[in-house]
Every structure is written in structure tokens, then in C-alpha cells.
Amino acid sequence: MFRTAKIATIALALIASTTLMTTSVQAAERPVTVPGCKTPTSKSSTPKTVKQPAASAKPNTKSLTLKTNCGDIVI
């Protein structure tokens, strides 16, 4: 029982140290800026409110049929 616990502890320590090393190496390889690119100047905005469209007097009878190898799709 003691031997199994010792092996498990060593395995967890190796996994943890490997994970910490790969994370720091990957972070060091990532560029912070890209040469030749400017800093974005965009600003956030709130979405505009839009009224519901008016209902049409006549029904829309147009349709579209897509013929696929799995069967027809009618829209």
C-alpha cells in the first residue's frame, strides 16, 4: 500500500512539473505584437433598436428548392 502511494505521488509530481514547464515555454514563444500591424482603434457601440417590419397584405408564395444527394430541401 505504501509503495503504491509513493509511486502515485512521484507520478503526480512529474506530471505537475512537466505541465508547468510546457506552459511557461509556450507562453514565451507567443508574440505579443505583430510587426507591421497597427493598434486597433475601434470603439464599442450599443445595438440600435429596430421596429418590427410591417405585415404584407398578400402572402409570399415564392419558394426555393435545393436538390441535394440527400433529397430535396424546399424553402
PDB file of N, CA and C in Angstrom:
ATOM      1  N   MET A   1       0.829  -1.190   0.000  1.00  0.00           N
ATOM      2  CA  MET A   1       0.000   0.000   0.000  1.00  0.00           C
ATOM      3  C   MET A   1       0.875   1.255   0.000  1.00  0.00           C
ATOM      4  N   PHE A   2       1.909   1.245   0.864  1.00  0.00           N
ATOM      5  CA  PHE A   2       2.802   2.399   0.957  1.00  0.00           C
ATOM      6  C   PHE A   2       3.543   2.613  -0.355  1.00  0.00           C
ATOM      7  N   ARG A   3       3.960   1.526  -1.001  1.00  0.00           N
ATOM      8  CA  ARG A   3       4.694   1.627  -2.262  1.00  0.00           C
ATOM      9  C   ARG A   3       3.808   2.222  -3.354  1.00  0.00           C
ATOM     10  N   THR A   4       2.541   1.827  -3.426  1.00  0.00           N
ATOM     11  CA  THR A   4       1.610   2.357  -4.418  1.00  0.00           C
ATOM     12  C   THR A   4       1.399   3.853  -4.206  1.00  0.00           C
ATOM     13  N   ALA A   5       1.256   4.271  -2.970  1.00  0.00           N
ATOM     14  CA  ALA A   5       1.063   5.690  -2.669  1.00  0.00           C
ATOM     15  C   ALA A   5       2.303   6.487  -3.053  1.00  0.00           C
ATOM     16  N   LYS A   6       3.491   5.909  -2.814  1.00  0.00           N
ATOM     17  CA  LYS A   6       4.736   6.594  -3.147  1.00  0.00           C
ATOM     18  C   LYS A   6       4.868   6.754  -4.660  1.00  0.00           C
ATOM     19  N   ILE A   7       4.528   5.710  -5.421  1.00  0.00           N
ATOM     20  CA  ILE A   7       4.597   5.768  -6.881  1.00  0.00           C
ATOM     21  C   ILE A   7       3.595   6.789  -7.415  1.00  0.00           C
ATOM     22  N   ALA A   8       2.400   6.815  -6.843  1.00  0.00           N
ATOM     23  CA  ALA A   8       1.382   7.772  -7.274  1.00  0.00           C
ATOM     24  C   ALA A   8       1.838   9.201  -7.009  1.00  0.00           C
ATOM     25  N   THR A   9       2.476   9.429  -5.868  1.00  0.00           N
ATOM     26  CA  THR A   9       2.965  10.762  -5.525  1.00  0.00           C
ATOM     27  C   THR A   9       4.045  11.206  -6.495  1.00  0.00           C
ATOM     28  N   ILE A  10       4.957  10.308  -6.830  1.00  0.00           N
ATOM     29  CA  ILE A  10       6.026  10.638  -7.769  1.00  0.00           C
ATOM     30  C   ILE A  10       5.449  10.932  -9.153  1.00  0.00           C
ATOM     31  N   ALA A  11       4.474  10.125  -9.584  1.00  0.00           N
ATOM     32  CA  ALA A  11       3.854  10.335 -10.891  1.00  0.00           C
ATOM     33  C   ALA A  11       3.161  11.691 -10.956  1.00  0.00           C
ATOM     34  N   LEU A  12       2.438  12.049  -9.898  1.00  0.00           N
ATOM     35  CA  LEU A  12       1.759  13.351  -9.874  1.00  0.00           C
ATOM     36  C   LEU A  12       2.758  14.500  -9.893  1.00  0.00           C
ATOM     37  N   ALA A  13       3.880  14.333  -9.176  1.00  0.00           N
ATOM     38  CA  ALA A  13       4.897  15.384  -9.166  1.00  0.00           C
ATOM     39  C   ALA A  13       5.504  15.559 -10.553  1.00  0.00           C
ATOM     40  N   LEU A  14       5.752  14.460 -11.262  1.00  0.00           N
ATOM     41  CA  LEU A  14       6.306  14.552 -12.614  1.00  0.00           C
ATOM     42  C   LEU A  14       5.325  15.210 -13.580  1.00  0.00           C
ATOM     43  N   ILE A  15       4.057  14.845 -13.469  1.00  0.00           N
ATOM     44  CA  ILE A  15       3.041  15.438 -14.340  1.00  0.00           C
ATOM     45  C   ILE A  15       2.938  16.936 -14.076  1.00  0.00           C
ATOM     46  N   ALA A  16       2.915  17.325 -12.810  1.00  0.00           N
ATOM     47  CA  ALA A  16       2.792  18.736 -12.461  1.00  0.00           C
ATOM     48  C   ALA A  16       3.997  19.530 -12.961  1.00  0.00           C
ATOM     49  N   SER A  17       5.197  19.004 -12.800  1.00  0.00           N
ATOM     50  CA  SER A  17       6.382  19.742 -13.236  1.00  0.00           C
ATOM     51  C   SER A  17       6.434  19.849 -14.752  1.00  0.00           C
ATOM     52  N   THR A  18       6.023  18.808 -15.461  1.00  0.00           N
ATOM     53  CA  THR A  18       6.001  18.840 -16.920  1.00  0.00           C
ATOM     54  C   THR A  18       4.993  19.864 -17.407  1.00  0.00           C
ATOM     55  N   THR A  19       3.821  19.903 -16.787  1.00  0.00           N
ATOM     56  CA  THR A  19       2.780  20.853 -17.178  1.00  0.00           C
ATOM     57  C   THR A  19       3.242  22.286 -16.958  1.00  0.00           C
ATOM     58  N   LEU A  20       3.898  22.552 -15.841  1.00  0.00           N
ATOM     59  CA  LEU A  20       4.365  23.905 -15.559  1.00  0.00           C
ATOM     60  C   LEU A  20       5.451  24.326 -16.547  1.00  0.00           C
ATOM     61  N   MET A  21       6.338  23.417 -16.903  1.00  0.00           N
ATOM     62  CA  MET A  21       7.402  23.759 -17.842  1.00  0.00           C
ATOM     63  C   MET A  21       6.849  24.021 -19.237  1.00  0.00           C
ATOM     64  N   THR A  22       5.933  23.193 -19.722  1.00  0.00           N
ATOM     65  CA  THR A  22       5.412  23.397 -21.071  1.00  0.00           C
ATOM     66  C   THR A  22       4.578  24.656 -21.152  1.00  0.00           C
ATOM     67  N   THR A  23       3.854  25.001 -20.088  1.00  0.00           N
ATOM     68  CA  THR A  23       3.043  26.216 -20.098  1.00  0.00           C
ATOM     69  C   THR A  23       3.937  27.444 -20.182  1.00  0.00           C
ATOM     70  N   SER A  24       5.031  27.489 -19.416  1.00  0.00           N
ATOM     71  CA  SER A  24       5.898  28.657 -19.440  1.00  0.00           C
ATOM     72  C   SER A  24       6.656  28.748 -20.763  1.00  0.00           C
ATOM     73  N   VAL A  25       7.031  27.619 -21.350  1.00  0.00           N
ATOM     74  CA  VAL A  25       7.719  27.627 -22.639  1.00  0.00           C
ATOM     75  C   VAL A  25       6.775  28.111 -23.739  1.00  0.00           C
ATOM     76  N   GLN A  26       5.524  27.650 -23.722  1.00  0.00           N
ATOM     77  CA  GLN A  26       4.566  28.076 -24.733  1.00  0.00           C
ATOM     78  C   GLN A  26       4.280  29.561 -24.606  1.00  0.00           C
ATOM     79  N   ALA A  27       4.182  30.068 -23.379  1.00  0.00           N
ATOM     80  CA  ALA A  27       3.905  31.489 -23.186  1.00  0.00           C
ATOM     81  C   ALA A  27       5.057  32.333 -23.704  1.00  0.00           C
ATOM     82  N   ALA A  28       6.291  31.851 -23.571  1.00  0.00           N
ATOM     83  CA  ALA A  28       7.442  32.608 -24.030  1.00  0.00           C
ATOM     84  C   ALA A  28       7.509  32.655 -25.554  1.00  0.00           C
ATOM     85  N   GLU A  29       6.964  31.665 -26.248  1.00  0.00           N
ATOM     86  CA  GLU A  29       7.027  31.606 -27.701  1.00  0.00           C
ATOM     87  C   GLU A  29       5.971  32.469 -28.383  1.00  0.00           C
ATOM     88  N   ARG A  30       4.924  32.825 -27.689  1.00  0.00           N
ATOM     89  CA  ARG A  30       3.840  33.601 -28.300  1.00  0.00           C
ATOM     90  C   ARG A  30       4.256  35.054 -28.476  1.00  0.00           C
ATOM     91  N   PRO A  31       4.047  35.622 -29.669  1.00  0.00           N
ATOM     92  CA  PRO A  31       4.377  37.038 -29.854  1.00  0.00           C
ATOM     93  C   PRO A  31       3.316  37.924 -29.207  1.00  0.00           C
ATOM     94  N   VAL A  32       3.765  39.031 -28.650  1.00  0.00           N
ATOM     95  CA  VAL A  32       2.841  39.978 -28.032  1.00  0.00           C
ATOM     96  C   VAL A  32       2.269  40.911 -29.082  1.00  0.00           C
ATOM     97  N   THR A  33       3.118  41.328 -30.017  1.00  0.00           N
ATOM     98  CA  THR A  33       2.675  42.182 -31.111  1.00  0.00           C
ATOM     99  C   THR A  33       3.145  41.577 -32.427  1.00  0.00           C
ATOM    100  N   VAL A  34       2.499  41.972 -33.485  1.00  0.00           N
ATOM    101  CA  VAL A  34       2.876  41.507 -34.818  1.00  0.00           C
ATOM    102  C   VAL A  34       3.534  42.672 -35.541  1.00  0.00           C
ATOM    103  N   PRO A  35       4.750  42.473 -36.061  1.00  0.00           N
ATOM    104  CA  PRO A  35       5.425  43.574 -36.756  1.00  0.00           C
ATOM    105  C   PRO A  35       4.622  44.056 -37.955  1.00  0.00           C
ATOM    106  N   GLY A  36       4.515  45.371 -38.110  1.00  0.00           N
ATOM    107  CA  GLY A  36       3.816  45.955 -39.253  1.00  0.00           C
ATOM    108  C   GLY A  36       2.332  46.170 -39.016  1.00  0.00           C
ATOM    109  N   CYS A  37       1.778  45.689 -37.907  1.00  0.00           N
ATOM    110  CA  CYS A  37       0.348  45.872 -37.628  1.00  0.00           C
ATOM    111  C   CYS A  37       0.151  47.041 -36.675  1.00  0.00           C
ATOM    112  N   LYS A  38      -0.906  47.799 -36.918  1.00  0.00           N
ATOM    113  CA  LYS A  38      -1.217  48.938 -36.067  1.00  0.00           C
ATOM    114  C   LYS A  38      -2.126  48.512 -34.924  1.00  0.00           C
ATOM    115  N   THR A  39      -2.178  49.298 -33.886  1.00  0.00           N
ATOM    116  CA  THR A  39      -3.071  49.054 -32.767  1.00  0.00           C
ATOM    117  C   THR A  39      -4.495  49.358 -33.207  1.00  0.00           C
ATOM    118  N   PRO A  40      -5.469  48.480 -32.900  1.00  0.00           N
ATOM    119  CA  PRO A  40      -6.851  48.743 -33.324  1.00  0.00           C
ATOM    120  C   PRO A  40      -7.405  49.991 -32.658  1.00  0.00           C
ATOM    121  N   THR A  41      -8.191  50.749 -33.424  1.00  0.00           N
ATOM    122  CA  THR A  41      -8.782  51.985 -32.906  1.00  0.00           C
ATOM    123  C   THR A  41     -10.301  51.900 -32.829  1.00  0.00           C
ATOM    124  N   SER A  42     -10.848  50.706 -32.971  1.00  0.00           N
ATOM    125  CA  SER A  42     -12.305  50.555 -32.975  1.00  0.00           C
ATOM    126  C   SER A  42     -12.873  50.822 -31.583  1.00  0.00           C
ATOM    127  N   LYS A  43     -14.106  51.309 -31.565  1.00  0.00           N
ATOM    128  CA  LYS A  43     -14.799  51.599 -30.313  1.00  0.00           C
ATOM    129  C   LYS A  43     -16.075  50.773 -30.269  1.00  0.00           C
ATOM    130  N   SER A  44     -16.486  50.405 -29.076  1.00  0.00           N
ATOM    131  CA  SER A  44     -17.721  49.632 -28.943  1.00  0.00           C
ATOM    132  C   SER A  44     -18.933  50.551 -29.110  1.00  0.00           C
ATOM    133  N   SER A  45     -20.037  49.963 -29.517  1.00  0.00           N
ATOM    134  CA  SER A  45     -21.271  50.731 -29.668  1.00  0.00           C
ATOM    135  C   SER A  45     -22.438  49.880 -29.192  1.00  0.00           C
ATOM    136  N   THR A  46     -23.528  50.563 -28.866  1.00  0.00           N
ATOM    137  CA  THR A  46     -24.719  49.840 -28.429  1.00  0.00           C
ATOM    138  C   THR A  46     -25.549  49.480 -29.655  1.00  0.00           C
ATOM    139  N   PRO A  47     -26.198  48.325 -29.650  1.00  0.00           N
ATOM    140  CA  PRO A  47     -27.024  47.943 -30.799  1.00  0.00           C
ATOM    141  C   PRO A  47     -28.203  48.896 -30.969  1.00  0.00           C
ATOM    142  N   LYS A  48     -28.578  49.155 -32.210  1.00  0.00           N
ATOM    143  CA  LYS A  48     -29.700  50.041 -32.492  1.00  0.00           C
ATOM    144  C   LYS A  48     -31.005  49.267 -32.372  1.00  0.00           C
ATOM    145  N   THR A  49     -32.047  49.959 -31.944  1.00  0.00           N
ATOM    146  CA  THR A  49     -33.353  49.331 -31.867  1.00  0.00           C
ATOM    147  C   THR A  49     -34.057  49.505 -33.205  1.00  0.00           C
ATOM    148  N   VAL A  50     -34.683  48.456 -33.667  1.00  0.00           N
ATOM    149  CA  VAL A  50     -35.331  48.455 -34.973  1.00  0.00           C
ATOM    150  C   VAL A  50     -36.796  48.086 -34.780  1.00  0.00           C
ATOM    151  N   LYS A  51     -37.685  48.771 -35.510  1.00  0.00           N
ATOM    152  CA  LYS A  51     -39.114  48.478 -35.429  1.00  0.00           C
ATOM    153  C   LYS A  51     -39.407  47.165 -36.144  1.00  0.00           C
ATOM    154  N   GLN A  52     -40.494  46.513 -35.762  1.00  0.00           N
ATOM    155  CA  GLN A  52     -40.939  45.297 -36.422  1.00  0.00           C
ATOM    156  C   GLN A  52     -41.365  45.642 -37.845  1.00  0.00           C
ATOM    157  N   PRO A  53     -41.072  44.797 -38.813  1.00  0.00           N
ATOM    158  CA  PRO A  53     -41.496  45.084 -40.176  1.00  0.00           C
ATOM    159  C   PRO A  53     -43.020  45.013 -40.304  1.00  0.00           C
ATOM    160  N   ALA A  54     -43.546  45.826 -41.202  1.00  0.00           N
ATOM    161  CA  ALA A  54     -44.990  45.828 -41.424  1.00  0.00           C
ATOM    162  C   ALA A  54     -45.396  44.529 -42.104  1.00  0.00           C
ATOM    163  N   ALA A  55     -46.550  44.002 -41.741  1.00  0.00           N
ATOM    164  CA  ALA A  55     -47.043  42.768 -42.346  1.00  0.00           C
ATOM    165  C   ALA A  55     -47.480  43.044 -43.781  1.00  0.00           C
ATOM    166  N   SER A  56     -47.142  42.165 -44.692  1.00  0.00           N
ATOM    167  CA  SER A  56     -47.534  42.373 -46.084  1.00  0.00           C
ATOM    168  C   SER A  56     -48.988  41.947 -46.276  1.00  0.00           C
ATOM    169  N   ALA A  57     -49.681  42.626 -47.188  1.00  0.00           N
ATOM    170  CA  ALA A  57     -51.096  42.349 -47.428  1.00  0.00           C
ATOM    171  C   ALA A  57     -51.281  41.031 -48.169  1.00  0.00           C
ATOM    172  N   LYS A  58     -50.388  40.702 -49.093  1.00  0.00           N
ATOM    173  CA  LYS A  58     -50.543  39.461 -49.850  1.00  0.00           C
ATOM    174  C   LYS A  58     -49.529  38.423 -49.332  1.00  0.00           C
ATOM    175  N   PRO A  59     -49.889  37.182 -49.351  1.00  0.00           N
ATOM    176  CA  PRO A  59     -48.963  36.156 -48.881  1.00  0.00           C
ATOM    177  C   PRO A  59     -47.801  35.979 -49.873  1.00  0.00           C
ATOM    178  N   ASN A  60     -46.674  35.677 -49.341  1.00  0.00           N
ATOM    179  CA  ASN A  60     -45.486  35.480 -50.160  1.00  0.00           C
ATOM    180  C   ASN A  60     -45.479  34.029 -50.647  1.00  0.00           C
ATOM    181  N   THR A  61     -45.610  33.828 -51.950  1.00  0.00           N
ATOM    182  CA  THR A  61     -45.721  32.472 -52.491  1.00  0.00           C
ATOM    183  C   THR A  61     -44.435  31.988 -53.142  1.00  0.00           C
ATOM    184  N   LYS A  62     -43.356  32.668 -52.957  1.00  0.00           N
ATOM    185  CA  LYS A  62     -42.101  32.257 -53.561  1.00  0.00           C
ATOM    186  C   LYS A  62     -41.496  31.107 -52.763  1.00  0.00           C
ATOM    187  N   SER A  63     -40.851  30.200 -53.470  1.00  0.00           N
ATOM    188  CA  SER A  63     -40.176  29.097 -52.795  1.00  0.00           C
ATOM    189  C   SER A  63     -38.863  28.796 -53.517  1.00  0.00           C
ATOM    190  N   LEU A  64     -38.005  28.099 -52.824  1.00  0.00           N
ATOM    191  CA  LEU A  64     -36.711  27.730 -53.349  1.00  0.00           C
ATOM    192  C   LEU A  64     -36.503  26.250 -53.060  1.00  0.00           C
ATOM    193  N   THR A  65     -36.095  25.482 -54.071  1.00  0.00           N
ATOM    194  CA  THR A  65     -35.851  24.063 -53.880  1.00  0.00           C
ATOM    195  C   THR A  65     -34.372  23.776 -54.106  1.00  0.00           C
ATOM    196  N   LEU A  66     -33.745  23.230 -53.091  1.00  0.00           N
ATOM    197  CA  LEU A  66     -32.354  22.822 -53.192  1.00  0.00           C
ATOM    198  C   LEU A  66     -32.330  21.323 -53.414  1.00  0.00           C
ATOM    199  N   LYS A  67     -31.744  20.898 -54.517  1.00  0.00           N
ATOM    200  CA  LYS A  67     -31.653  19.471 -54.813  1.00  0.00           C
ATOM    201  C   LYS A  67     -30.289  18.983 -54.344  1.00  0.00           C
ATOM    202  N   THR A  68     -30.289  18.071 -53.369  1.00  0.00           N
ATOM    203  CA  THR A  68     -29.052  17.529 -52.838  1.00  0.00           C
ATOM    204  C   THR A  68     -29.036  16.020 -53.000  1.00  0.00           C
ATOM    205  N   ASN A  69     -27.897  15.416 -52.729  1.00  0.00           N
ATOM    206  CA  ASN A  69     -27.823  13.965 -52.810  1.00  0.00           C
ATOM    207  C   ASN A  69     -28.542  13.285 -51.644  1.00  0.00           C
ATOM    208  N   CYS A  70     -28.991  14.050 -50.676  1.00  0.00           N
ATOM    209  CA  CYS A  70     -29.761  13.509 -49.549  1.00  0.00           C
ATOM    210  C   CYS A  70     -31.250  13.802 -49.701  1.00  0.00           C
ATOM    211  N   GLY A  71     -31.659  14.361 -50.818  1.00  0.00           N
ATOM    212  CA  GLY A  71     -33.068  14.687 -51.035  1.00  0.00           C
ATOM    213  C   GLY A  71     -33.250  16.170 -51.273  1.00  0.00           C
ATOM    214  N   ASP A  72     -34.446  16.540 -51.632  1.00  0.00           N
ATOM    215  CA  ASP A  72     -34.766  17.942 -51.907  1.00  0.00           C
ATOM    216  C   ASP A  72     -35.073  18.685 -50.614  1.00  0.00           C
ATOM    217  N   ILE A  73     -34.656  19.962 -50.579  1.00  0.00           N
ATOM    218  CA  ILE A  73     -34.963  20.849 -49.458  1.00  0.00           C
ATOM    219  C   ILE A  73     -35.750  22.012 -50.030  1.00  0.00           C
ATOM    220  N   VAL A  74     -36.990  22.180 -49.567  1.00  0.00           N
ATOM    221  CA  VAL A  74     -37.852  23.246 -50.071  1.00  0.00           C
ATOM    222  C   VAL A  74     -37.897  24.343 -49.010  1.00  0.00           C
ATOM    223  N   ILE A  75     -37.580  25.541 -49.461  1.00  0.00           N
ATOM    224  CA  ILE A  75     -37.620  26.710 -48.551  1.00  0.00           C
ATOM    225  C   ILE A  75     -38.677  27.656 -49.081  1.00  0.00           C
TER     226      ILE A  75
END
